């Protein structure tokens, strides 16, 4: 098997399935913060910088 056939095989994979995998990963990672049940977590993370070390005691 010569190096050109390996290159062509990998290129065909990247052109077809690689693109599909990257698109699916993008959609999942973009939608992840908007999933139900994550609102409280993100609100807590957004307000964390305003807390003092004596808050809540």
C-alpha atoms as a PDB file:
ATOM      1  CA  UNK A   1       0.000   0.000   0.000  1.00  0.00           C
ATOM      2  CA  UNK A   2       1.554   3.261  -1.039  1.00  0.00           C
ATOM      3  CA  UNK A   3       1.255   6.542   0.926  1.00  0.00           C
ATOM      4  CA  UNK A   4      -0.972   8.129  -1.689  1.00  0.00           C
ATOM      5  CA  UNK A   5      -3.736   5.588  -1.195  1.00  0.00           C
ATOM      6  CA  UNK A   6      -3.632   6.109   2.588  1.00  0.00           C
ATOM      7  CA  UNK A   7      -3.846   9.857   2.062  1.00  0.00           C
ATOM      8  CA  UNK A   8      -6.753   9.496  -0.322  1.00  0.00           C
ATOM      9  CA  UNK A   9      -8.591   7.193   2.072  1.00  0.00           C
ATOM     10  CA  UNK A  10      -8.176   9.587   4.991  1.00  0.00           C
ATOM     11  CA  UNK A  11      -9.173  12.540   2.843  1.00  0.00           C
ATOM     12  CA  UNK A  12     -12.348  10.827   1.694  1.00  0.00           C
ATOM     13  CA  UNK A  13     -13.203   9.996   5.304  1.00  0.00           C
ATOM     14  CA  UNK A  14     -12.605  13.605   6.382  1.00  0.00           C
ATOM     15  CA  UNK A  15     -14.673  14.950   3.488  1.00  0.00           C
ATOM     16  CA  UNK A  16     -17.665  12.783   4.324  1.00  0.00           C
ATOM     17  CA  UNK A  17     -17.874  11.456   7.885  1.00  0.00           C
ATOM     18  CA  UNK A  18     -15.416  13.930   9.386  1.00  0.00           C
ATOM     19  CA  UNK A  19     -17.572  16.856   8.311  1.00  0.00           C
ATOM     20  CA  UNK A  20     -20.693  15.187   9.683  1.00  0.00           C
ATOM     21  CA  UNK A  21     -18.999  14.497  13.031  1.00  0.00           C
ATOM     22  CA  UNK A  22     -17.827  18.111  13.325  1.00  0.00           C
ATOM     23  CA  UNK A  23     -21.289  19.485  12.495  1.00  0.00           C
ATOM     24  CA  UNK A  24     -22.946  17.214  15.073  1.00  0.00           C
ATOM     25  CA  UNK A  25     -20.331  18.187  17.702  1.00  0.00           C
ATOM     26  CA  UNK A  26     -20.915  21.887  16.958  1.00  0.00           C
ATOM     27  CA  UNK A  27     -24.693  21.566  17.317  1.00  0.00           C
ATOM     28  CA  UNK A  28     -24.418  19.608  20.572  1.00  0.00           C
ATOM     29  CA  UNK A  29     -21.874  21.978  22.128  1.00  0.00           C
ATOM     30  CA  UNK A  30     -23.862  25.030  21.041  1.00  0.00           C
ATOM     31  CA  UNK A  31     -27.152  23.673  22.424  1.00  0.00           C
ATOM     32  CA  UNK A  32     -25.657  22.313  25.689  1.00  0.00           C
ATOM     33  CA  UNK A  33     -26.031  25.548  27.748  1.00  0.00           C
ATOM     34  CA  UNK A  34     -29.695  25.850  26.737  1.00  0.00           C
ATOM     35  CA  UNK A  35     -30.776  22.419  27.941  1.00  0.00           C
ATOM     36  CA  UNK A  36     -33.623  22.243  30.480  1.00  0.00           C
ATOM     37  CA  UNK A  37     -32.453  22.207  34.076  1.00  0.00           C
ATOM     38  CA  UNK A  38     -29.250  24.153  33.536  1.00  0.00           C
ATOM     39  CA  UNK A  39     -30.753  27.569  34.246  1.00  0.00           C
ATOM     40  CA  UNK A  40     -29.959  27.504  37.980  1.00  0.00           C
ATOM     41  CA  UNK A  41     -26.385  26.384  37.358  1.00  0.00           C
ATOM     42  CA  UNK A  42     -25.734  29.164  34.836  1.00  0.00           C
ATOM     43  CA  UNK A  43     -27.421  31.800  36.997  1.00  0.00           C
ATOM     44  CA  UNK A  44     -25.230  30.745  39.928  1.00  0.00           C
ATOM     45  CA  UNK A  45     -22.094  30.865  37.760  1.00  0.00           C
ATOM     46  CA  UNK A  46     -23.022  34.321  36.416  1.00  0.00           C
ATOM     47  CA  UNK A  47     -23.532  35.753  39.910  1.00  0.00           C
ATOM     48  CA  UNK A  48     -20.492  34.089  41.463  1.00  0.00           C
ATOM     49  CA  UNK A  49     -18.225  37.074  40.775  1.00  0.00           C
ATOM     50  CA  UNK A  50     -20.445  39.340  42.886  1.00  0.00           C
ATOM     51  CA  UNK A  51     -20.200  37.213  46.029  1.00  0.00           C
ATOM     52  CA  UNK A  52     -18.102  38.223  48.952  1.00  0.00           C
ATOM     53  CA  UNK A  53     -16.392  35.628  51.085  1.00  0.00           C
ATOM     54  CA  UNK A  54     -18.755  36.537  53.956  1.00  0.00           C
ATOM     55  CA  UNK A  55     -21.961  36.154  51.921  1.00  0.00           C
ATOM     56  CA  UNK A  56     -24.232  33.371  53.004  1.00  0.00           C
ATOM     57  CA  UNK A  57     -22.829  33.051  56.505  1.00  0.00           C
END
